[in-house]
Amino acid sequence: MQNHDDLQAVAELNEAYRVITEQLGRVIVGQQKVIEELLVAMFARGHCLLVGVPGLAKTLLIRTLADALSLEFRRIQFTPDLMPSDITGTEIIQEDKLSGTRELRFLRGPIFGNIILADEINRTPPKTQAALLEVMQEYQVTVGGTRHPLVQPFFVLATQNPIEQEGTYPLPEAQLDRFMFNTFVDYPEEEEEFDIVKRTTADFTPTVTPSLTGEKILELQKIVRRVPVADHVVRYAMKIVRLTRPHKGQAPEFIREYVSWGAGPRASQYLVLGAKARAVLYGRFYAGTEDIRAVAHPVLRHRIMTNFNAEAEGLKPDHIVDRLIEMAGAGE
């Protein structure tokens, strides 16, 4: 990837990242790491799960991102009585008044958009959650034996409240694995919270200017795929992932003690893809081990299942990832 066109495309994507971040900054205070992870997932053609307590502007961030990208935004509020057809759409019988004939017609559901906000995704039963599985993996909906392709680009950005568990349905591991990133949305810093309060209590509504079209995003996604990755970087990503598996011989002692199940090959794929996207966002036409380390937490934190020993000692998946990165070394 050394030709002039590719280098120009990388510079273009780096500029797009700067402009989008600037646009989001008009509405969103702080959360730079969250914004970076969202954009990395988007340009790597992945889906993202945002986990954070209520009131941290998760929904506002996703809506503002859709506005800044000139994409069709759809919000689905997940509730216990939501049915799969409420998401994907349903077939109805329609009568032709002239001929009197009846035929089945497919009415598209809210999933047919570009950016889909699955709000409080863990509030709906597994049957409805599973309606997203085919959509997220195959980018299509099958109803009545007919496949309906989705409009590209397409991203599912889901939100989840980590503290409220009553009346919720934890996402199955198979569905969690479809999300490229599990992004943690933390409380703002003191000065950031000061700005938030001042902005939101004043008579002023900031606006964003669309800066990228859907066609341009598809082009930039192809650029990310063309970013070269050295073999030692791929092996570095694989090393971190393979160390998470407690039932394999190379697993360290602390993994065997605190982890029930480790990450699968999709984690290695997403580490490399995320590293490629991050490198391009930073204006580089190659991905290095520092990019792997930068995306390791959002890629792995929902793919490492800790056991009761870890829970008793207050160890979270993020702590496990920290130790794995330390064990893997610089990887240069």
C-alpha atoms as a PDB file:
ATOM      1  CA  MET A   1       0.000   0.000   0.000  1.00  0.00           C
ATOM      2  CA  GLN A   2       2.653   2.470  -1.040  1.00  0.00           C
ATOM      3  CA  ASN A   3       1.078   4.019  -4.161  1.00  0.00           C
ATOM      4  CA  HIS A   4       0.050   7.652  -4.305  1.00  0.00           C
ATOM      5  CA  ASP A   5      -3.711   6.969  -4.437  1.00  0.00           C
ATOM      6  CA  ASP A   6      -3.648   4.890  -1.260  1.00  0.00           C
ATOM      7  CA  LEU A   7      -1.545   7.436   0.607  1.00  0.00           C
ATOM      8  CA  GLN A   8      -3.938  10.158  -0.479  1.00  0.00           C
ATOM      9  CA  ALA A   9      -6.888   8.040   0.678  1.00  0.00           C
ATOM     10  CA  VAL A  10      -5.266   7.551   4.099  1.00  0.00           C
ATOM     11  CA  ALA A  11      -4.781  11.308   4.415  1.00  0.00           C
ATOM     12  CA  GLU A  12      -8.430  11.756   3.430  1.00  0.00           C
ATOM     13  CA  LEU A  13      -9.629   9.347   6.100  1.00  0.00           C
ATOM     14  CA  ASN A  14      -7.428  11.024   8.690  1.00  0.00           C
ATOM     15  CA  GLU A  15      -8.996  14.369   7.756  1.00  0.00           C
ATOM     16  CA  ALA A  16     -12.490  12.829   7.927  1.00  0.00           C
ATOM     17  CA  TYR A  17     -11.705  11.609  11.454  1.00  0.00           C
ATOM     18  CA  ARG A  18     -10.643  15.113  12.480  1.00  0.00           C
ATOM     19  CA  VAL A  19     -13.757  16.714  10.998  1.00  0.00           C
ATOM     20  CA  ILE A  20     -16.169  14.167  12.506  1.00  0.00           C
ATOM     21  CA  THR A  21     -14.546  14.512  15.936  1.00  0.00           C
ATOM     22  CA  GLU A  22     -14.833  18.281  15.662  1.00  0.00           C
ATOM     23  CA  GLN A  23     -18.513  18.030  14.692  1.00  0.00           C
ATOM     24  CA  LEU A  24     -19.286  15.664  17.580  1.00  0.00           C
ATOM     25  CA  GLY A  25     -17.473  18.018  19.956  1.00  0.00           C
ATOM     26  CA  ARG A  26     -20.138  20.654  19.284  1.00  0.00           C
ATOM     27  CA  VAL A  27     -22.703  18.436  21.000  1.00  0.00           C
ATOM     28  CA  ILE A  28     -20.771  15.886  23.052  1.00  0.00           C
ATOM     29  CA  VAL A  29     -18.422  16.975  25.843  1.00  0.00           C
ATOM     30  CA  GLY A  30     -15.396  14.711  26.361  1.00  0.00           C
ATOM     31  CA  GLN A  31     -15.738  10.953  25.677  1.00  0.00           C
ATOM     32  CA  GLN A  32     -12.857  11.103  23.170  1.00  0.00           C
ATOM     33  CA  LYS A  33     -11.948   7.450  23.682  1.00  0.00           C
ATOM     34  CA  VAL A  34     -15.565   6.373  23.134  1.00  0.00           C
ATOM     35  CA  ILE A  35     -15.777   8.442  19.943  1.00  0.00           C
ATOM     36  CA  GLU A  36     -12.511   6.959  18.664  1.00  0.00           C
ATOM     37  CA  GLU A  37     -13.684   3.394  19.317  1.00  0.00           C
ATOM     38  CA  LEU A  38     -17.019   4.060  17.598  1.00  0.00           C
ATOM     39  CA  LEU A  39     -15.290   5.406  14.492  1.00  0.00           C
ATOM     40  CA  VAL A  40     -12.714   2.590  14.460  1.00  0.00           C
ATOM     41  CA  ALA A  41     -15.540   0.032  14.561  1.00  0.00           C
ATOM     42  CA  MET A  42     -17.474   1.888  11.872  1.00  0.00           C
ATOM     43  CA  PHE A  43     -14.584   2.110   9.406  1.00  0.00           C
ATOM     44  CA  ALA A  44     -13.717  -1.542  10.121  1.00  0.00           C
ATOM     45  CA  ARG A  45     -17.348  -2.418   9.291  1.00  0.00           C
ATOM     46  CA  GLY A  46     -18.082  -3.674  12.780  1.00  0.00           C
ATOM     47  CA  HIS A  47     -20.879  -3.267  15.315  1.00  0.00           C
ATOM     48  CA  CYS A  48     -20.467  -1.722  18.750  1.00  0.00           C
ATOM     49  CA  LEU A  49     -21.995  -2.302  22.190  1.00  0.00           C
ATOM     50  CA  LEU A  50     -21.903   0.743  24.501  1.00  0.00           C
ATOM     51  CA  VAL A  51     -22.091  -0.075  28.198  1.00  0.00           C
ATOM     52  CA  GLY A  52     -22.641   2.686  30.746  1.00  0.00           C
ATOM     53  CA  VAL A  53     -24.973   3.923  33.457  1.00  0.00           C
ATOM     54  CA  PRO A  54     -27.954   6.111  32.457  1.00  0.00           C
ATOM     55  CA  GLY A  55     -27.402   9.796  31.719  1.00  0.00           C
ATOM     56  CA  LEU A  56     -23.998   9.576  30.028  1.00  0.00           C
ATOM     57  CA  ALA A  57     -25.322  10.662  26.590  1.00  0.00           C
ATOM     58  CA  LYS A  58     -24.893   7.271  24.894  1.00  0.00           C
ATOM     59  CA  THR A  59     -28.051   7.750  22.826  1.00  0.00           C
ATOM     60  CA  LEU A  60     -27.221  11.383  22.055  1.00  0.00           C
ATOM     61  CA  LEU A  61     -23.734  10.387  20.910  1.00  0.00           C
ATOM     62  CA  ILE A  62     -25.059   7.801  18.452  1.00  0.00           C
ATOM     63  CA  ARG A  63     -27.727  10.145  17.090  1.00  0.00           C
ATOM     64  CA  THR A  64     -25.172  12.945  16.666  1.00  0.00           C
ATOM     65  CA  LEU A  65     -22.787  10.554  14.897  1.00  0.00           C
ATOM     66  CA  ALA A  66     -25.547   9.669  12.428  1.00  0.00           C
ATOM     67  CA  ASP A  67     -26.197  13.373  11.796  1.00  0.00           C
ATOM     68  CA  ALA A  68     -22.488  14.075  11.280  1.00  0.00           C
ATOM     69  CA  LEU A  69     -22.292  11.238   8.739  1.00  0.00           C
ATOM     70  CA  SER A  70     -25.432  12.076   6.770  1.00  0.00           C
ATOM     71  CA  LEU A  71     -26.800   8.571   7.356  1.00  0.00           C
ATOM     72  CA  GLU A  72     -30.317   7.312   8.006  1.00  0.00           C
ATOM     73  CA  PHE A  73     -30.734   6.859  11.748  1.00  0.00           C
ATOM     74  CA  ARG A  74     -33.246   4.454  13.310  1.00  0.00           C
ATOM     75  CA  ARG A  75     -33.816   3.989  17.016  1.00  0.00           C
ATOM     76  CA  ILE A  76     -35.349   0.792  18.381  1.00  0.00           C
ATOM     77  CA  GLN A  77     -36.308   0.899  22.046  1.00  0.00           C
ATOM     78  CA  PHE A  78     -35.995  -2.653  23.317  1.00  0.00           C
ATOM     79  CA  THR A  79     -38.735  -3.682  25.756  1.00  0.00           C
ATOM     80  CA  PRO A  80     -39.870  -7.046  27.211  1.00  0.00           C
ATOM     81  CA  ASP A  81     -42.873  -7.208  24.844  1.00  0.00           C
ATOM     82  CA  LEU A  82     -40.924  -6.413  21.651  1.00  0.00           C
ATOM     83  CA  MET A  83     -41.316  -9.091  18.963  1.00  0.00           C
ATOM     84  CA  PRO A  84     -38.802 -10.055  16.244  1.00  0.00           C
ATOM     85  CA  SER A  85     -41.185  -8.790  13.541  1.00  0.00           C
ATOM     86  CA  ASP A  86     -41.204  -5.380  15.257  1.00  0.00           C
ATOM     87  CA  ILE A  87     -37.528  -5.146  14.305  1.00  0.00           C
ATOM     88  CA  THR A  88     -37.218  -6.912  10.969  1.00  0.00           C
ATOM     89  CA  GLY A  89     -40.665  -6.230   9.508  1.00  0.00           C
ATOM     90  CA  THR A  90     -43.605  -8.431   8.625  1.00  0.00           C
ATOM     91  CA  GLU A  91     -45.617  -9.726   5.687  1.00  0.00           C
ATOM     92  CA  ILE A  92     -49.191  -8.513   5.197  1.00  0.00           C
ATOM     93  CA  ILE A  93     -51.918  -9.504   2.752  1.00  0.00           C
ATOM     94  CA  GLN A  94     -52.655  -6.659   0.366  1.00  0.00           C
ATOM     95  CA  GLU A  95     -55.614  -6.619  -2.027  1.00  0.00           C
ATOM     96  CA  ASP A  96     -55.465  -5.062  -5.475  1.00  0.00           C
ATOM     97  CA  LYS A  97     -58.706  -3.068  -5.727  1.00  0.00           C
ATOM     98  CA  LEU A  98     -58.745  -3.222  -9.540  1.00  0.00           C
ATOM     99  CA  SER A  99     -58.220  -6.945 -10.036  1.00  0.00           C
ATOM    100  CA  GLY A 100     -59.393  -8.185  -6.651  1.00  0.00           C
ATOM    101  CA  THR A 101     -56.284 -10.354  -6.270  1.00  0.00           C
ATOM    102  CA  ARG A 102     -54.457 -10.636  -2.985  1.00  0.00           C
ATOM    103  CA  GLU A 103     -50.756 -10.936  -2.474  1.00  0.00           C
ATOM    104  CA  LEU A 104     -48.261 -10.932   0.347  1.00  0.00           C
ATOM    105  CA  ARG A 105     -46.318  -7.711   0.747  1.00  0.00           C
ATOM    106  CA  PHE A 106     -43.312  -7.218   3.004  1.00  0.00           C
ATOM    107  CA  LEU A 107     -43.427  -4.149   5.233  1.00  0.00           C
ATOM    108  CA  ARG A 108     -39.895  -3.233   6.237  1.00  0.00           C
ATOM    109  CA  GLY A 109     -39.128  -2.801   9.919  1.00  0.00           C
ATOM    110  CA  PRO A 110     -36.900  -0.169  11.540  1.00  0.00           C
ATOM    111  CA  ILE A 111     -33.810  -2.344  10.993  1.00  0.00           C
ATOM    112  CA  PHE A 112     -33.693  -1.059   7.404  1.00  0.00           C
ATOM    113  CA  GLY A 113     -31.524   1.986   8.035  1.00  0.00           C
ATOM    114  CA  ASN A 114     -27.821   2.854   8.136  1.00  0.00           C
ATOM    115  CA  ILE A 115     -27.166   3.421  11.843  1.00  0.00           C
ATOM    116  CA  ILE A 116     -29.405   1.371  14.111  1.00  0.00           C
ATOM    117  CA  LEU A 117     -29.553   2.296  17.780  1.00  0.00           C
ATOM    118  CA  ALA A 118     -30.615  -0.783  19.741  1.00  0.00           C
ATOM    119  CA  ASP A 119     -31.429   1.042  22.961  1.00  0.00           C
ATOM    120  CA  GLU A 120     -31.241  -1.036  26.166  1.00  0.00           C
ATOM    121  CA  ILE A 121     -30.800  -4.207  24.160  1.00  0.00           C
ATOM    122  CA  ASN A 122     -30.775  -6.405  27.277  1.00  0.00           C
ATOM    123  CA  ARG A 123     -34.372  -5.459  28.126  1.00  0.00           C
ATOM    124  CA  THR A 124     -35.879  -7.786  25.528  1.00  0.00           C
ATOM    125  CA  PRO A 125     -36.014 -11.628  25.628  1.00  0.00           C
ATOM    126  CA  PRO A 126     -33.503 -13.788  23.720  1.00  0.00           C
ATOM    127  CA  LYS A 127     -36.044 -14.575  20.976  1.00  0.00           C
ATOM    128  CA  THR A 128     -36.149 -10.919  19.964  1.00  0.00           C
ATOM    129  CA  GLN A 129     -32.437 -10.362  20.550  1.00  0.00           C
ATOM    130  CA  ALA A 130     -31.810 -13.215  18.109  1.00  0.00           C
ATOM    131  CA  ALA A 131     -33.595 -11.245  15.376  1.00  0.00           C
ATOM    132  CA  LEU A 132     -30.391  -9.202  15.147  1.00  0.00           C
ATOM    133  CA  LEU A 133     -28.084 -12.195  14.631  1.00  0.00           C
ATOM    134  CA  GLU A 134     -28.683 -12.650  10.899  1.00  0.00           C
ATOM    135  CA  VAL A 135     -28.807  -8.897  10.392  1.00  0.00           C
ATOM    136  CA  MET A 136     -25.438  -8.276  12.047  1.00  0.00           C
ATOM    137  CA  GLN A 137     -23.637 -11.175  10.387  1.00  0.00           C
ATOM    138  CA  GLU A 138     -25.210 -11.455   6.925  1.00  0.00           C
ATOM    139  CA  TYR A 139     -26.501  -7.886   6.412  1.00  0.00           C
ATOM    140  CA  GLN A 140     -29.881  -9.225   5.341  1.00  0.00           C
ATOM    141  CA  VAL A 141     -33.300 -10.178   6.696  1.00  0.00           C
ATOM    142  CA  THR A 142     -35.041 -13.432   5.740  1.00  0.00           C
ATOM    143  CA  VAL A 143     -38.839 -13.390   5.992  1.00  0.00           C
ATOM    144  CA  GLY A 144     -41.104 -16.023   4.453  1.00  0.00           C
ATOM    145  CA  GLY A 145     -38.160 -17.610   2.669  1.00  0.00           C
ATOM    146  CA  THR A 146     -37.288 -14.340   0.895  1.00  0.00           C
ATOM    147  CA  ARG A 147     -34.031 -12.544   1.595  1.00  0.00           C
ATOM    148  CA  HIS A 148     -34.113  -8.766   1.886  1.00  0.00           C
ATOM    149  CA  PRO A 149     -30.635  -7.163   1.737  1.00  0.00           C
ATOM    150  CA  LEU A 150     -29.920  -4.183   3.965  1.00  0.00           C
ATOM    151  CA  VAL A 151     -28.756  -0.796   2.773  1.00  0.00           C
ATOM    152  CA  GLN A 152     -25.005  -0.244   3.122  1.00  0.00           C
ATOM    153  CA  PRO A 153     -23.273   1.097   5.139  1.00  0.00           C
ATOM    154  CA  PHE A 154     -24.974  -0.583   8.076  1.00  0.00           C
ATOM    155  CA  PHE A 155     -24.041  -0.510  11.760  1.00  0.00           C
ATOM    156  CA  VAL A 156     -25.757  -1.745  14.903  1.00  0.00           C
ATOM    157  CA  LEU A 157     -24.848   0.385  17.909  1.00  0.00           C
ATOM    158  CA  ALA A 158     -26.443  -1.063  21.031  1.00  0.00           C
ATOM    159  CA  THR A 159     -26.603   0.358  24.544  1.00  0.00           C
ATOM    160  CA  GLN A 160     -26.754  -1.516  27.814  1.00  0.00           C
ATOM    161  CA  ASN A 161     -27.029  -0.509  31.456  1.00  0.00           C
ATOM    162  CA  PRO A 162     -24.489  -2.487  33.545  1.00  0.00           C
ATOM    163  CA  ILE A 163     -26.014  -1.848  36.974  1.00  0.00           C
ATOM    164  CA  GLU A 164     -29.701  -2.555  36.473  1.00  0.00           C
ATOM    165  CA  GLN A 165     -30.189  -6.309  36.144  1.00  0.00           C
ATOM    166  CA  GLU A 166     -33.757  -6.801  37.374  1.00  0.00           C
ATOM    167  CA  GLY A 167     -36.096  -7.522  34.482  1.00  0.00           C
ATOM    168  CA  THR A 168     -33.267  -7.811  31.956  1.00  0.00           C
ATOM    169  CA  TYR A 169     -32.040 -10.625  29.739  1.00  0.00           C
ATOM    170  CA  PRO A 170     -28.228 -10.847  29.452  1.00  0.00           C
ATOM    171  CA  LEU A 171     -27.060 -11.110  25.870  1.00  0.00           C
ATOM    172  CA  PRO A 172     -26.090 -14.670  24.827  1.00  0.00           C
ATOM    173  CA  GLU A 173     -22.389 -15.199  24.163  1.00  0.00           C
ATOM    174  CA  ALA A 174     -23.085 -15.900  20.469  1.00  0.00           C
ATOM    175  CA  GLN A 175     -24.662 -12.478  20.084  1.00  0.00           C
ATOM    176  CA  LEU A 176     -22.032 -10.688  22.162  1.00  0.00           C
ATOM    177  CA  ASP A 177     -19.432 -12.154  19.821  1.00  0.00           C
ATOM    178  CA  ARG A 178     -21.110 -10.379  16.864  1.00  0.00           C
ATOM    179  CA  PHE A 179     -20.163  -7.022  18.361  1.00  0.00           C
ATOM    180  CA  MET A 180     -16.689  -5.968  17.317  1.00  0.00           C
ATOM    181  CA  PHE A 181     -16.271  -3.663  20.324  1.00  0.00           C
ATOM    182  CA  ASN A 182     -17.672  -3.545  23.823  1.00  0.00           C
ATOM    183  CA  THR A 183     -17.102   0.124  24.641  1.00  0.00           C
ATOM    184  CA  PHE A 184     -17.264   1.318  28.234  1.00  0.00           C
ATOM    185  CA  VAL A 185     -18.780   4.783  28.697  1.00  0.00           C
ATOM    186  CA  ASP A 186     -17.447   6.242  31.944  1.00  0.00           C
ATOM    187  CA  TYR A 187     -18.458   9.239  34.047  1.00  0.00           C
ATOM    188  CA  PRO A 188     -17.128  12.601  32.797  1.00  0.00           C
ATOM    189  CA  GLU A 189     -14.264  14.440  34.467  1.00  0.00           C
ATOM    190  CA  GLU A 190     -15.124  17.372  36.749  1.00  0.00           C
ATOM    191  CA  GLU A 191     -14.503  20.123  34.161  1.00  0.00           C
ATOM    192  CA  GLU A 192     -16.306  18.122  31.484  1.00  0.00           C
ATOM    193  CA  GLU A 193     -19.332  17.736  33.744  1.00  0.00           C
ATOM    194  CA  PHE A 194     -19.209  21.486  34.414  1.00  0.00           C
ATOM    195  CA  ASP A 195     -19.373  22.136  30.649  1.00  0.00           C
ATOM    196  CA  ILE A 196     -22.194  19.606  30.232  1.00  0.00           C
ATOM    197  CA  VAL A 197     -24.314  21.271  32.897  1.00  0.00           C
ATOM    198  CA  LYS A 198     -23.720  24.760  31.458  1.00  0.00           C
ATOM    199  CA  ARG A 199     -24.511  23.678  27.907  1.00  0.00           C
ATOM    200  CA  THR A 200     -27.617  21.668  28.664  1.00  0.00           C
ATOM    201  CA  THR A 201     -29.197  24.272  30.940  1.00  0.00           C
ATOM    202  CA  ALA A 202     -28.821  27.168  28.482  1.00  0.00           C
ATOM    203  CA  ASP A 203     -31.159  28.238  25.696  1.00  0.00           C
ATOM    204  CA  PHE A 204     -28.907  26.966  22.931  1.00  0.00           C
ATOM    205  CA  THR A 205     -29.123  23.875  20.744  1.00  0.00           C
ATOM    206  CA  PRO A 206     -25.866  23.039  18.939  1.00  0.00           C
ATOM    207  CA  THR A 207     -26.044  21.564  15.446  1.00  0.00           C
ATOM    208  CA  VAL A 208     -23.697  19.443  13.369  1.00  0.00           C
ATOM    209  CA  THR A 209     -22.946  19.610   9.672  1.00  0.00           C
ATOM    210  CA  PRO A 210     -22.969  16.321   7.710  1.00  0.00           C
ATOM    211  CA  SER A 211     -19.406  15.629   6.605  1.00  0.00           C
ATOM    212  CA  LEU A 212     -19.449  12.151   5.026  1.00  0.00           C
ATOM    213  CA  THR A 213     -21.920  10.374   2.751  1.00  0.00           C
ATOM    214  CA  GLY A 214     -22.707   6.679   2.833  1.00  0.00           C
ATOM    215  CA  GLU A 215     -20.880   6.138  -0.469  1.00  0.00           C
ATOM    216  CA  LYS A 216     -17.752   7.801   0.905  1.00  0.00           C
ATOM    217  CA  ILE A 217     -17.849   5.652   4.049  1.00  0.00           C
ATOM    218  CA  LEU A 218     -17.978   2.498   1.898  1.00  0.00           C
ATOM    219  CA  GLU A 219     -14.910   3.720   0.005  1.00  0.00           C
ATOM    220  CA  LEU A 220     -13.041   4.415   3.237  1.00  0.00           C
ATOM    221  CA  GLN A 221     -13.955   0.956   4.577  1.00  0.00           C
ATOM    222  CA  LYS A 222     -12.243  -0.580   1.527  1.00  0.00           C
ATOM    223  CA  ILE A 223      -9.126   1.497   2.243  1.00  0.00           C
ATOM    224  CA  VAL A 224      -8.975   0.079   5.772  1.00  0.00           C
ATOM    225  CA  ARG A 225      -9.035  -3.458   4.360  1.00  0.00           C
ATOM    226  CA  ARG A 226      -6.061  -2.645   2.133  1.00  0.00           C
ATOM    227  CA  VAL A 227      -3.825  -1.520   5.005  1.00  0.00           C
ATOM    228  CA  PRO A 228      -0.887  -3.956   5.232  1.00  0.00           C
ATOM    229  CA  VAL A 229      -0.125  -5.779   8.462  1.00  0.00           C
ATOM    230  CA  ALA A 230       3.228  -7.419   9.101  1.00  0.00           C
ATOM    231  CA  ASP A 231       3.235 -11.088  10.105  1.00  0.00           C
ATOM    232  CA  HIS A 232       4.703 -10.317  13.521  1.00  0.00           C
ATOM    233  CA  VAL A 233       1.769  -7.955  14.234  1.00  0.00           C
ATOM    234  CA  VAL A 234      -0.761 -10.659  13.324  1.00  0.00           C
ATOM    235  CA  ARG A 235       1.065 -13.154  15.521  1.00  0.00           C
ATOM    236  CA  TYR A 236       1.139 -10.606  18.348  1.00  0.00           C
ATOM    237  CA  ALA A 237      -2.676 -10.287  18.135  1.00  0.00           C
ATOM    238  CA  MET A 238      -3.037 -14.078  18.030  1.00  0.00           C
ATOM    239  CA  LYS A 239      -0.706 -14.490  21.012  1.00  0.00           C
ATOM    240  CA  ILE A 240      -2.852 -12.244  23.204  1.00  0.00           C
ATOM    241  CA  VAL A 241      -6.036 -14.043  22.156  1.00  0.00           C
ATOM    242  CA  ARG A 242      -4.641 -17.564  22.506  1.00  0.00           C
ATOM    243  CA  LEU A 243      -3.377 -16.782  26.010  1.00  0.00           C
ATOM    244  CA  THR A 244      -6.994 -16.204  27.110  1.00  0.00           C
ATOM    245  CA  ARG A 245      -7.950 -19.869  26.656  1.00  0.00           C
ATOM    246  CA  PRO A 246      -7.662 -21.682  30.005  1.00  0.00           C
ATOM    247  CA  HIS A 247      -7.966 -25.200  28.566  1.00  0.00           C
ATOM    248  CA  LYS A 248      -4.942 -24.858  26.288  1.00  0.00           C
ATOM    249  CA  GLY A 249      -1.392 -25.711  27.318  1.00  0.00           C
ATOM    250  CA  GLN A 250       0.053 -22.224  26.773  1.00  0.00           C
ATOM    251  CA  ALA A 251      -2.436 -20.496  29.094  1.00  0.00           C
ATOM    252  CA  PRO A 252      -0.708 -18.822  32.074  1.00  0.00           C
ATOM    253  CA  GLU A 253      -1.609 -19.795  35.612  1.00  0.00           C
ATOM    254  CA  PHE A 254      -3.751 -16.716  36.333  1.00  0.00           C
ATOM    255  CA  ILE A 255      -5.890 -17.483  33.270  1.00  0.00           C
ATOM    256  CA  ARG A 256      -6.516 -21.028  34.474  1.00  0.00           C
ATOM    257  CA  GLU A 257      -7.417 -19.659  37.901  1.00  0.00           C
ATOM    258  CA  TYR A 258      -9.735 -16.818  36.919  1.00  0.00           C
ATOM    259  CA  VAL A 259     -11.114 -17.516  33.419  1.00  0.00           C
ATOM    260  CA  SER A 260     -13.807 -20.024  32.418  1.00  0.00           C
ATOM    261  CA  TRP A 261     -13.725 -19.430  28.667  1.00  0.00           C
ATOM    262  CA  GLY A 262     -11.426 -17.416  26.478  1.00  0.00           C
ATOM    263  CA  ALA A 263     -11.780 -15.591  23.174  1.00  0.00           C
ATOM    264  CA  GLY A 264     -12.186 -17.305  19.812  1.00  0.00           C
ATOM    265  CA  PRO A 265     -10.613 -16.602  16.396  1.00  0.00           C
ATOM    266  CA  ARG A 266     -13.051 -13.742  15.736  1.00  0.00           C
ATOM    267  CA  ALA A 267     -11.224 -11.798  18.467  1.00  0.00           C
ATOM    268  CA  SER A 268      -7.949 -12.108  16.527  1.00  0.00           C
ATOM    269  CA  GLN A 269      -9.699 -10.941  13.361  1.00  0.00           C
ATOM    270  CA  TYR A 270     -11.189  -7.915  15.107  1.00  0.00           C
ATOM    271  CA  LEU A 271      -7.887  -7.028  16.787  1.00  0.00           C
ATOM    272  CA  VAL A 272      -6.200  -6.844  13.378  1.00  0.00           C
ATOM    273  CA  LEU A 273      -9.122  -5.048  11.706  1.00  0.00           C
ATOM    274  CA  GLY A 274      -9.388  -2.580  14.574  1.00  0.00           C
ATOM    275  CA  ALA A 275      -5.631  -1.964  14.427  1.00  0.00           C
ATOM    276  CA  LYS A 276      -5.873  -1.256  10.687  1.00  0.00           C
ATOM    277  CA  ALA A 277      -8.733   1.213  11.142  1.00  0.00           C
ATOM    278  CA  ARG A 278      -7.036   2.985  14.049  1.00  0.00           C
ATOM    279  CA  ALA A 279      -3.773   3.305  12.114  1.00  0.00           C
ATOM    280  CA  VAL A 280      -5.540   4.939   9.176  1.00  0.00           C
ATOM    281  CA  LEU A 281      -7.504   7.288  11.449  1.00  0.00           C
ATOM    282  CA  TYR A 282      -4.148   8.443  12.815  1.00  0.00           C
ATOM    283  CA  GLY A 283      -2.797   9.008   9.309  1.00  0.00           C
ATOM    284  CA  ARG A 284      -0.565   5.927   9.057  1.00  0.00           C
ATOM    285  CA  PHE A 285      -0.647   3.413   6.194  1.00  0.00           C
ATOM    286  CA  TYR A 286       0.524   0.491   8.311  1.00  0.00           C
ATOM    287  CA  ALA A 287      -0.747  -1.114  11.509  1.00  0.00           C
ATOM    288  CA  GLY A 288       1.606  -1.822  14.410  1.00  0.00           C
ATOM    289  CA  THR A 289       1.482  -3.601  17.743  1.00  0.00           C
ATOM    290  CA  GLU A 290       0.633  -0.320  19.502  1.00  0.00           C
ATOM    291  CA  ASP A 291      -2.639  -0.323  17.526  1.00  0.00           C
ATOM    292  CA  ILE A 292      -3.341  -3.891  18.656  1.00  0.00           C
ATOM    293  CA  ARG A 293      -2.858  -2.852  22.282  1.00  0.00           C
ATOM    294  CA  ALA A 294      -5.100   0.195  21.813  1.00  0.00           C
ATOM    295  CA  VAL A 295      -8.085  -1.921  20.705  1.00  0.00           C
ATOM    296  CA  ALA A 296      -7.431  -4.946  22.941  1.00  0.00           C
ATOM    297  CA  HIS A 297      -9.798  -3.944  25.755  1.00  0.00           C
ATOM    298  CA  PRO A 298     -12.939  -3.210  23.685  1.00  0.00           C
ATOM    299  CA  VAL A 299     -12.338  -6.349  21.593  1.00  0.00           C
ATOM    300  CA  LEU A 300     -11.677  -8.742  24.479  1.00  0.00           C
ATOM    301  CA  ARG A 301     -13.653  -7.526  27.484  1.00  0.00           C
ATOM    302  CA  HIS A 302     -16.882  -9.232  26.321  1.00  0.00           C
ATOM    303  CA  ARG A 303     -15.113 -12.343  25.026  1.00  0.00           C
ATOM    304  CA  ILE A 304     -13.407 -13.347  28.275  1.00  0.00           C
ATOM    305  CA  MET A 305     -15.676 -15.131  30.751  1.00  0.00           C
ATOM    306  CA  THR A 306     -14.331 -14.846  34.286  1.00  0.00           C
ATOM    307  CA  ASN A 307     -15.269 -17.371  36.990  1.00  0.00           C
ATOM    308  CA  PHE A 308     -16.263 -17.201  40.648  1.00  0.00           C
ATOM    309  CA  ASN A 309     -12.641 -16.883  41.781  1.00  0.00           C
ATOM    310  CA  ALA A 310     -12.268 -13.686  39.774  1.00  0.00           C
ATOM    311  CA  GLU A 311     -15.588 -12.360  41.047  1.00  0.00           C
ATOM    312  CA  ALA A 312     -14.581 -13.058  44.657  1.00  0.00           C
ATOM    313  CA  GLU A 313     -11.368 -11.053  44.181  1.00  0.00           C
ATOM    314  CA  GLY A 314     -13.030  -8.255  42.221  1.00  0.00           C
ATOM    315  CA  LEU A 315     -11.158  -9.059  39.005  1.00  0.00           C
ATOM    316  CA  LYS A 316     -12.826  -7.813  35.820  1.00  0.00           C
ATOM    317  CA  PRO A 317     -12.031  -8.847  32.220  1.00  0.00           C
ATOM    318  CA  ASP A 318     -10.192  -5.514  31.800  1.00  0.00           C
ATOM    319  CA  HIS A 319      -7.765  -6.538  34.555  1.00  0.00           C
ATOM    320  CA  ILE A 320      -7.167  -9.833  32.752  1.00  0.00           C
ATOM    321  CA  VAL A 321      -6.476  -7.984  29.477  1.00  0.00           C
ATOM    322  CA  ASP A 322      -4.019  -5.665  31.260  1.00  0.00           C
ATOM    323  CA  ARG A 323      -2.019  -8.650  32.479  1.00  0.00           C
ATOM    324  CA  LEU A 324      -2.126 -10.355  29.078  1.00  0.00           C
ATOM    325  CA  ILE A 325      -0.774  -7.231  27.339  1.00  0.00           C
ATOM    326  CA  GLU A 326       1.982  -7.063  29.956  1.00  0.00           C
ATOM    327  CA  MET A 327       2.828 -10.721  29.328  1.00  0.00           C
ATOM    328  CA  ALA A 328       2.809 -10.311  25.538  1.00  0.00           C
ATOM    329  CA  GLY A 329       5.325  -7.478  25.782  1.00  0.00           C
ATOM    330  CA  ALA A 330       5.865  -4.849  23.091  1.00  0.00           C
ATOM    331  CA  GLY A 331       5.796  -7.413  20.309  1.00  0.00           C
ATOM    332  CA  GLU A 332       8.136  -5.370  18.121  1.00  0.00           C
END
